[in-house]
Amino acid sequence: MSTHNGFLDKKGHPRIEIALRTPDGVSKPFVALIDTGFSGFVALPEESAEDLGLLPVGTVRYTVASGAVIGLILAFGSVSIGDVSYVGSIVVGNVRQPLLGIEFLRESRKALFLDGDVVLLLDKQEPGELARKLITET
């Protein structure tokens, strides 16, 4: 079990430092936006994916906030936060920055906690256990 600390950027958006790793072991650090409006695991700008050397394995279709359906390149890799790694799909396309989405939170069994300027990714627990933990840590 682990808690990961993030931070709020100047616009108040939650971010966290991650490392992305390709299946052949190439790794690179990024600062990712934790985007609860993105249903996927990880999204990465095309330029960042090329720098990392991610190899496309196919395409996938996503519906974006405007309702438009777009095709994105699909690759596989892992996300490391601290010393913990999570394997999943990475979509590559027209995004401005790396994104961690809802699938990442679900697959990693993490809950996003925001309070003031505190950003935490906590192990998913029963609400009562989480409340007790937060009360005793403050």
N, C-alpha and C. Protein backbone atom coordinates (compact mmCIF):
# COMPACT_ATOMS: atom_id res chain seq x y z
N MET A 1 0.84 -1.18 0.00
CA MET A 1 0.00 0.00 0.00
C MET A 1 0.88 1.24 0.00
N SER A 2 0.44 2.24 -0.78
CA SER A 2 1.27 3.43 -0.86
C SER A 2 0.41 4.65 -1.15
N THR A 3 0.89 5.77 -0.67
CA THR A 3 0.28 7.06 -0.95
C THR A 3 1.27 7.85 -1.80
N HIS A 4 0.76 8.46 -2.86
CA HIS A 4 1.62 9.25 -3.74
C HIS A 4 1.21 10.71 -3.62
N ASN A 5 2.20 11.59 -3.44
CA ASN A 5 1.96 13.02 -3.32
C ASN A 5 2.06 13.70 -4.68
N GLY A 6 1.08 14.52 -4.98
CA GLY A 6 1.11 15.34 -6.18
C GLY A 6 1.13 16.80 -5.78
N PHE A 7 0.71 17.65 -6.69
CA PHE A 7 0.68 19.08 -6.42
C PHE A 7 -0.34 19.74 -7.35
N LEU A 8 -0.72 20.96 -7.01
CA LEU A 8 -1.59 21.75 -7.87
C LEU A 8 -0.73 22.70 -8.68
N ASP A 9 -1.01 22.78 -9.99
CA ASP A 9 -0.27 23.74 -10.82
C ASP A 9 -0.82 25.15 -10.60
N LYS A 10 -0.31 26.12 -11.33
CA LYS A 10 -0.71 27.52 -11.14
C LYS A 10 -2.19 27.75 -11.42
N LYS A 11 -2.80 26.88 -12.23
CA LYS A 11 -4.22 27.01 -12.54
C LYS A 11 -5.09 26.19 -11.60
N GLY A 12 -4.46 25.50 -10.65
CA GLY A 12 -5.21 24.72 -9.68
C GLY A 12 -5.53 23.31 -10.12
N HIS A 13 -4.84 22.79 -11.16
CA HIS A 13 -5.08 21.44 -11.66
C HIS A 13 -4.14 20.45 -10.97
N PRO A 14 -4.66 19.26 -10.61
CA PRO A 14 -3.82 18.27 -9.93
C PRO A 14 -2.81 17.62 -10.88
N ARG A 15 -1.57 17.55 -10.45
CA ARG A 15 -0.48 16.96 -11.24
C ARG A 15 0.34 16.04 -10.34
N ILE A 16 1.06 15.14 -11.01
CA ILE A 16 1.91 14.22 -10.27
C ILE A 16 3.09 13.82 -11.15
N GLU A 17 4.24 13.62 -10.51
CA GLU A 17 5.43 13.19 -11.25
C GLU A 17 5.36 11.69 -11.48
N ILE A 18 5.58 11.29 -12.74
CA ILE A 18 5.52 9.89 -13.12
C ILE A 18 6.75 9.56 -13.99
N ALA A 19 6.95 8.29 -14.22
CA ALA A 19 7.90 7.83 -15.25
C ALA A 19 7.12 6.88 -16.15
N LEU A 20 7.24 7.06 -17.45
CA LEU A 20 6.64 6.13 -18.41
C LEU A 20 7.73 5.22 -18.93
N ARG A 21 7.40 3.94 -19.06
CA ARG A 21 8.37 2.95 -19.51
C ARG A 21 7.77 2.17 -20.67
N THR A 22 8.57 2.01 -21.71
CA THR A 22 8.16 1.22 -22.86
C THR A 22 8.34 -0.26 -22.54
N PRO A 23 7.70 -1.16 -23.32
CA PRO A 23 7.89 -2.60 -23.08
C PRO A 23 9.35 -3.04 -23.18
N ASP A 24 10.18 -2.31 -23.95
CA ASP A 24 11.59 -2.70 -24.05
C ASP A 24 12.47 -2.02 -23.00
N GLY A 25 11.87 -1.34 -22.02
CA GLY A 25 12.61 -0.85 -20.87
C GLY A 25 13.07 0.60 -20.89
N VAL A 26 12.78 1.33 -21.96
CA VAL A 26 13.16 2.75 -22.00
C VAL A 26 12.21 3.52 -21.09
N SER A 27 12.76 4.37 -20.24
CA SER A 27 11.96 5.11 -19.27
C SER A 27 12.27 6.60 -19.35
N LYS A 28 11.24 7.41 -19.12
CA LYS A 28 11.42 8.86 -19.14
C LYS A 28 10.46 9.50 -18.13
N PRO A 29 10.95 10.51 -17.37
CA PRO A 29 10.07 11.18 -16.41
C PRO A 29 9.16 12.21 -17.08
N PHE A 30 7.97 12.37 -16.52
CA PHE A 30 6.99 13.35 -16.97
C PHE A 30 6.26 13.90 -15.75
N VAL A 31 5.65 15.05 -15.92
CA VAL A 31 4.68 15.55 -14.96
C VAL A 31 3.32 15.42 -15.65
N ALA A 32 2.44 14.63 -15.05
CA ALA A 32 1.15 14.34 -15.66
C ALA A 32 0.02 15.08 -14.96
N LEU A 33 -0.97 15.47 -15.76
CA LEU A 33 -2.21 16.03 -15.25
C LEU A 33 -3.11 14.86 -14.88
N ILE A 34 -3.67 14.87 -13.68
CA ILE A 34 -4.64 13.86 -13.29
C ILE A 34 -5.99 14.36 -13.78
N ASP A 35 -6.49 13.74 -14.85
CA ASP A 35 -7.66 14.24 -15.57
C ASP A 35 -8.84 13.28 -15.41
N THR A 36 -9.75 13.62 -14.50
CA THR A 36 -10.90 12.75 -14.26
C THR A 36 -11.93 12.83 -15.40
N GLY A 37 -11.73 13.70 -16.36
CA GLY A 37 -12.58 13.75 -17.54
C GLY A 37 -12.08 12.85 -18.65
N PHE A 38 -10.90 12.26 -18.48
CA PHE A 38 -10.32 11.35 -19.45
C PHE A 38 -10.56 9.92 -18.97
N SER A 39 -11.25 9.11 -19.76
CA SER A 39 -11.62 7.77 -19.32
C SER A 39 -10.50 6.75 -19.44
N GLY A 40 -9.43 7.07 -20.16
CA GLY A 40 -8.36 6.10 -20.41
C GLY A 40 -7.35 5.98 -19.29
N PHE A 41 -6.29 5.21 -19.57
CA PHE A 41 -5.21 4.95 -18.62
C PHE A 41 -4.22 6.11 -18.65
N VAL A 42 -3.56 6.30 -19.79
CA VAL A 42 -2.61 7.39 -19.98
C VAL A 42 -2.76 7.92 -21.39
N ALA A 43 -2.69 9.24 -21.54
CA ALA A 43 -2.61 9.88 -22.86
C ALA A 43 -1.30 10.64 -22.92
N LEU A 44 -0.69 10.63 -24.09
CA LEU A 44 0.63 11.24 -24.25
C LEU A 44 0.67 12.00 -25.56
N PRO A 45 1.26 13.21 -25.56
CA PRO A 45 1.44 13.94 -26.82
C PRO A 45 2.31 13.14 -27.79
N GLU A 46 2.06 13.32 -29.07
CA GLU A 46 2.81 12.59 -30.10
C GLU A 46 4.31 12.79 -29.97
N GLU A 47 4.74 14.03 -29.76
CA GLU A 47 6.18 14.31 -29.66
C GLU A 47 6.81 13.57 -28.48
N SER A 48 6.12 13.53 -27.35
CA SER A 48 6.64 12.82 -26.17
C SER A 48 6.72 11.32 -26.43
N ALA A 49 5.72 10.78 -27.11
CA ALA A 49 5.72 9.35 -27.43
C ALA A 49 6.88 9.00 -28.36
N GLU A 50 7.15 9.88 -29.33
CA GLU A 50 8.27 9.65 -30.25
C GLU A 50 9.60 9.71 -29.50
N ASP A 51 9.76 10.71 -28.60
CA ASP A 51 10.98 10.83 -27.81
C ASP A 51 11.21 9.59 -26.94
N LEU A 52 10.12 9.04 -26.41
CA LEU A 52 10.21 7.86 -25.55
C LEU A 52 10.46 6.59 -26.37
N GLY A 53 10.04 6.61 -27.63
CA GLY A 53 10.20 5.43 -28.49
C GLY A 53 9.06 4.44 -28.36
N LEU A 54 7.87 4.93 -28.00
CA LEU A 54 6.70 4.05 -27.92
C LEU A 54 6.35 3.52 -29.30
N LEU A 55 6.07 2.24 -29.38
CA LEU A 55 5.70 1.64 -30.65
C LEU A 55 4.19 1.46 -30.72
N PRO A 56 3.55 1.97 -31.78
CA PRO A 56 2.10 1.81 -31.91
C PRO A 56 1.73 0.35 -32.15
N VAL A 57 0.61 -0.07 -31.55
CA VAL A 57 0.10 -1.42 -31.75
C VAL A 57 -1.27 -1.41 -32.42
N GLY A 58 -1.84 -0.22 -32.61
CA GLY A 58 -3.15 -0.11 -33.24
C GLY A 58 -3.72 1.27 -33.03
N THR A 59 -5.02 1.37 -33.22
CA THR A 59 -5.72 2.64 -32.97
C THR A 59 -6.95 2.36 -32.10
N VAL A 60 -7.42 3.41 -31.49
CA VAL A 60 -8.60 3.32 -30.63
C VAL A 60 -9.40 4.60 -30.83
N ARG A 61 -10.71 4.53 -30.66
CA ARG A 61 -11.58 5.69 -30.83
C ARG A 61 -12.03 6.20 -29.47
N TYR A 62 -11.98 7.51 -29.30
CA TYR A 62 -12.43 8.16 -28.06
C TYR A 62 -13.44 9.24 -28.40
N THR A 63 -14.41 9.42 -27.51
CA THR A 63 -15.33 10.53 -27.60
C THR A 63 -14.80 11.62 -26.68
N VAL A 64 -14.55 12.80 -27.23
CA VAL A 64 -14.01 13.90 -26.45
C VAL A 64 -15.14 14.77 -25.91
N ALA A 65 -14.80 15.73 -25.08
CA ALA A 65 -15.78 16.56 -24.38
C ALA A 65 -16.78 17.23 -25.33
N SER A 66 -16.34 17.59 -26.52
CA SER A 66 -17.23 18.24 -27.49
C SER A 66 -18.23 17.28 -28.10
N GLY A 67 -18.04 15.98 -27.86
CA GLY A 67 -18.89 14.97 -28.46
C GLY A 67 -18.31 14.36 -29.73
N ALA A 68 -17.24 14.94 -30.22
CA ALA A 68 -16.58 14.42 -31.43
C ALA A 68 -15.89 13.09 -31.11
N VAL A 69 -15.90 12.19 -32.08
CA VAL A 69 -15.20 10.92 -31.94
C VAL A 69 -13.90 11.02 -32.73
N ILE A 70 -12.79 10.75 -32.05
CA ILE A 70 -11.48 10.86 -32.70
C ILE A 70 -10.73 9.53 -32.60
N GLY A 71 -9.86 9.29 -33.56
CA GLY A 71 -9.01 8.12 -33.53
C GLY A 71 -7.66 8.48 -32.96
N LEU A 72 -7.14 7.65 -32.08
CA LEU A 72 -5.84 7.87 -31.47
C LEU A 72 -4.98 6.62 -31.62
N ILE A 73 -3.69 6.81 -31.64
CA ILE A 73 -2.74 5.71 -31.71
C ILE A 73 -2.70 5.02 -30.35
N LEU A 74 -2.64 3.69 -30.36
CA LEU A 74 -2.60 2.91 -29.13
C LEU A 74 -1.22 2.27 -28.97
N ALA A 75 -0.66 2.36 -27.77
CA ALA A 75 0.61 1.72 -27.43
C ALA A 75 0.45 1.14 -26.03
N PHE A 76 1.42 0.33 -25.63
CA PHE A 76 1.39 -0.23 -24.28
C PHE A 76 2.68 0.13 -23.55
N GLY A 77 2.55 0.27 -22.25
CA GLY A 77 3.69 0.61 -21.43
C GLY A 77 3.31 0.58 -19.97
N SER A 78 4.17 1.14 -19.14
CA SER A 78 3.86 1.19 -17.72
C SER A 78 4.10 2.58 -17.18
N VAL A 79 3.41 2.88 -16.11
CA VAL A 79 3.53 4.14 -15.39
C VAL A 79 4.12 3.83 -14.02
N SER A 80 5.18 4.52 -13.66
CA SER A 80 5.74 4.37 -12.32
C SER A 80 5.54 5.67 -11.56
N ILE A 81 5.08 5.52 -10.34
CA ILE A 81 4.98 6.64 -9.41
C ILE A 81 5.74 6.18 -8.17
N GLY A 82 6.84 6.87 -7.90
CA GLY A 82 7.72 6.37 -6.84
C GLY A 82 8.29 5.04 -7.28
N ASP A 83 8.21 4.03 -6.42
CA ASP A 83 8.75 2.71 -6.76
C ASP A 83 7.67 1.70 -7.15
N VAL A 84 6.46 2.18 -7.45
CA VAL A 84 5.36 1.30 -7.82
C VAL A 84 5.02 1.52 -9.30
N SER A 85 4.87 0.40 -10.04
CA SER A 85 4.57 0.49 -11.47
C SER A 85 3.20 -0.13 -11.77
N TYR A 86 2.54 0.44 -12.78
CA TYR A 86 1.24 -0.01 -13.22
C TYR A 86 1.28 -0.15 -14.74
N VAL A 87 0.85 -1.29 -15.28
CA VAL A 87 0.89 -1.55 -16.71
C VAL A 87 -0.47 -1.24 -17.31
N GLY A 88 -0.46 -0.60 -18.50
CA GLY A 88 -1.73 -0.31 -19.16
C GLY A 88 -1.54 0.24 -20.56
N SER A 89 -2.63 0.69 -21.13
CA SER A 89 -2.60 1.23 -22.49
C SER A 89 -2.30 2.73 -22.47
N ILE A 90 -1.58 3.15 -23.47
CA ILE A 90 -1.23 4.55 -23.62
C ILE A 90 -1.76 5.01 -24.97
N VAL A 91 -2.61 6.04 -24.96
CA VAL A 91 -3.07 6.59 -26.23
C VAL A 91 -2.20 7.79 -26.56
N VAL A 92 -1.90 7.90 -27.84
CA VAL A 92 -0.99 8.95 -28.32
C VAL A 92 -1.77 9.82 -29.28
N GLY A 93 -1.71 11.12 -29.07
CA GLY A 93 -2.44 11.99 -29.97
C GLY A 93 -2.30 13.45 -29.63
N ASN A 94 -3.32 14.18 -30.02
CA ASN A 94 -3.32 15.63 -29.92
C ASN A 94 -3.72 16.08 -28.51
N VAL A 95 -2.85 15.78 -27.53
CA VAL A 95 -3.02 16.30 -26.17
C VAL A 95 -1.81 17.18 -25.88
N ARG A 96 -1.99 18.16 -25.02
CA ARG A 96 -0.91 19.11 -24.75
C ARG A 96 0.10 18.62 -23.73
N GLN A 97 -0.32 17.65 -22.91
CA GLN A 97 0.53 17.18 -21.82
C GLN A 97 0.14 15.74 -21.48
N PRO A 98 0.99 15.02 -20.78
CA PRO A 98 0.60 13.68 -20.34
C PRO A 98 -0.60 13.75 -19.41
N LEU A 99 -1.51 12.80 -19.58
CA LEU A 99 -2.72 12.73 -18.76
C LEU A 99 -2.81 11.36 -18.09
N LEU A 100 -3.18 11.33 -16.83
CA LEU A 100 -3.57 10.11 -16.14
C LEU A 100 -5.08 10.16 -16.02
N GLY A 101 -5.76 9.11 -16.46
CA GLY A 101 -7.21 9.12 -16.48
C GLY A 101 -7.86 8.17 -15.49
N ILE A 102 -9.16 8.04 -15.64
CA ILE A 102 -9.98 7.22 -14.75
C ILE A 102 -9.55 5.75 -14.78
N GLU A 103 -9.21 5.23 -15.96
CA GLU A 103 -8.77 3.83 -16.04
C GLU A 103 -7.51 3.62 -15.19
N PHE A 104 -6.60 4.61 -15.19
CA PHE A 104 -5.41 4.50 -14.33
C PHE A 104 -5.83 4.41 -12.87
N LEU A 105 -6.72 5.29 -12.43
CA LEU A 105 -7.16 5.27 -11.03
C LEU A 105 -7.82 3.93 -10.70
N ARG A 106 -8.64 3.42 -11.61
CA ARG A 106 -9.33 2.15 -11.38
C ARG A 106 -8.33 0.98 -11.33
N GLU A 107 -7.44 0.90 -12.33
CA GLU A 107 -6.50 -0.22 -12.40
C GLU A 107 -5.47 -0.19 -11.26
N SER A 108 -5.07 0.98 -10.84
CA SER A 108 -4.09 1.09 -9.75
C SER A 108 -4.76 1.02 -8.38
N ARG A 109 -6.09 1.01 -8.39
CA ARG A 109 -6.89 0.99 -7.16
C ARG A 109 -6.53 2.19 -6.27
N LYS A 110 -6.47 3.37 -6.92
CA LYS A 110 -6.15 4.60 -6.21
C LYS A 110 -7.38 5.52 -6.18
N ALA A 111 -7.45 6.30 -5.14
CA ALA A 111 -8.46 7.34 -5.01
C ALA A 111 -7.75 8.68 -5.03
N LEU A 112 -8.31 9.63 -5.75
CA LEU A 112 -7.75 10.98 -5.81
C LEU A 112 -8.34 11.79 -4.67
N PHE A 113 -7.46 12.41 -3.87
CA PHE A 113 -7.88 13.25 -2.75
C PHE A 113 -7.31 14.64 -2.96
N LEU A 114 -8.20 15.63 -2.97
CA LEU A 114 -7.80 17.04 -3.10
C LEU A 114 -8.35 17.80 -1.90
N ASP A 115 -7.49 18.59 -1.27
CA ASP A 115 -7.93 19.42 -0.16
C ASP A 115 -7.01 20.63 -0.09
N GLY A 116 -7.55 21.79 -0.42
CA GLY A 116 -6.71 22.99 -0.46
C GLY A 116 -5.63 22.80 -1.50
N ASP A 117 -4.38 22.83 -1.09
CA ASP A 117 -3.28 22.63 -2.03
C ASP A 117 -2.68 21.23 -1.93
N VAL A 118 -3.39 20.29 -1.28
CA VAL A 118 -2.93 18.92 -1.11
C VAL A 118 -3.51 18.04 -2.21
N VAL A 119 -2.64 17.30 -2.89
CA VAL A 119 -3.05 16.32 -3.91
C VAL A 119 -2.44 14.99 -3.52
N LEU A 120 -3.30 13.99 -3.28
CA LEU A 120 -2.82 12.67 -2.91
C LEU A 120 -3.50 11.61 -3.77
N LEU A 121 -2.74 10.59 -4.15
CA LEU A 121 -3.31 9.37 -4.69
C LEU A 121 -3.21 8.35 -3.58
N LEU A 122 -4.35 7.94 -3.05
CA LEU A 122 -4.40 7.04 -1.90
C LEU A 122 -4.86 5.66 -2.34
N ASP A 123 -4.45 4.62 -1.62
CA ASP A 123 -5.00 3.30 -1.87
C ASP A 123 -6.49 3.34 -1.65
N LYS A 124 -7.22 2.71 -2.56
CA LYS A 124 -8.68 2.69 -2.45
C LYS A 124 -9.06 1.87 -1.22
N GLN A 125 -9.87 2.47 -0.36
CA GLN A 125 -10.29 1.83 0.88
C GLN A 125 -11.77 2.08 1.07
N GLU A 126 -12.31 1.42 2.05
CA GLU A 126 -13.68 1.72 2.42
C GLU A 126 -13.74 3.16 2.93
N PRO A 127 -14.83 3.88 2.67
CA PRO A 127 -14.91 5.29 3.09
C PRO A 127 -14.63 5.51 4.57
N GLY A 128 -15.09 4.63 5.43
CA GLY A 128 -14.85 4.79 6.87
C GLY A 128 -13.38 4.68 7.21
N GLU A 129 -12.69 3.71 6.59
CA GLU A 129 -11.25 3.54 6.83
C GLU A 129 -10.49 4.77 6.33
N LEU A 130 -10.86 5.27 5.17
CA LEU A 130 -10.20 6.43 4.60
C LEU A 130 -10.38 7.65 5.51
N ALA A 131 -11.60 7.87 5.99
CA ALA A 131 -11.87 9.01 6.86
C ALA A 131 -11.02 8.92 8.13
N ARG A 132 -10.97 7.72 8.73
CA ARG A 132 -10.16 7.55 9.95
C ARG A 132 -8.68 7.84 9.67
N LYS A 133 -8.18 7.35 8.55
CA LYS A 133 -6.78 7.55 8.19
C LYS A 133 -6.48 9.04 8.02
N LEU A 134 -7.36 9.75 7.33
CA LEU A 134 -7.14 11.16 7.07
C LEU A 134 -7.23 11.98 8.36
N ILE A 135 -8.13 11.62 9.24
CA ILE A 135 -8.28 12.34 10.50
C ILE A 135 -7.06 12.13 11.39
N THR A 136 -6.53 10.91 11.43
CA THR A 136 -5.38 10.64 12.30
C THR A 136 -4.08 11.21 11.73
N GLU A 137 -4.00 11.43 10.40
CA GLU A 137 -2.79 11.96 9.80
C GLU A 137 -2.72 13.48 9.86
N THR A 138 -3.82 14.15 10.15
CA THR A 138 -3.81 15.62 10.17
C THR A 138 -3.59 16.18 11.54
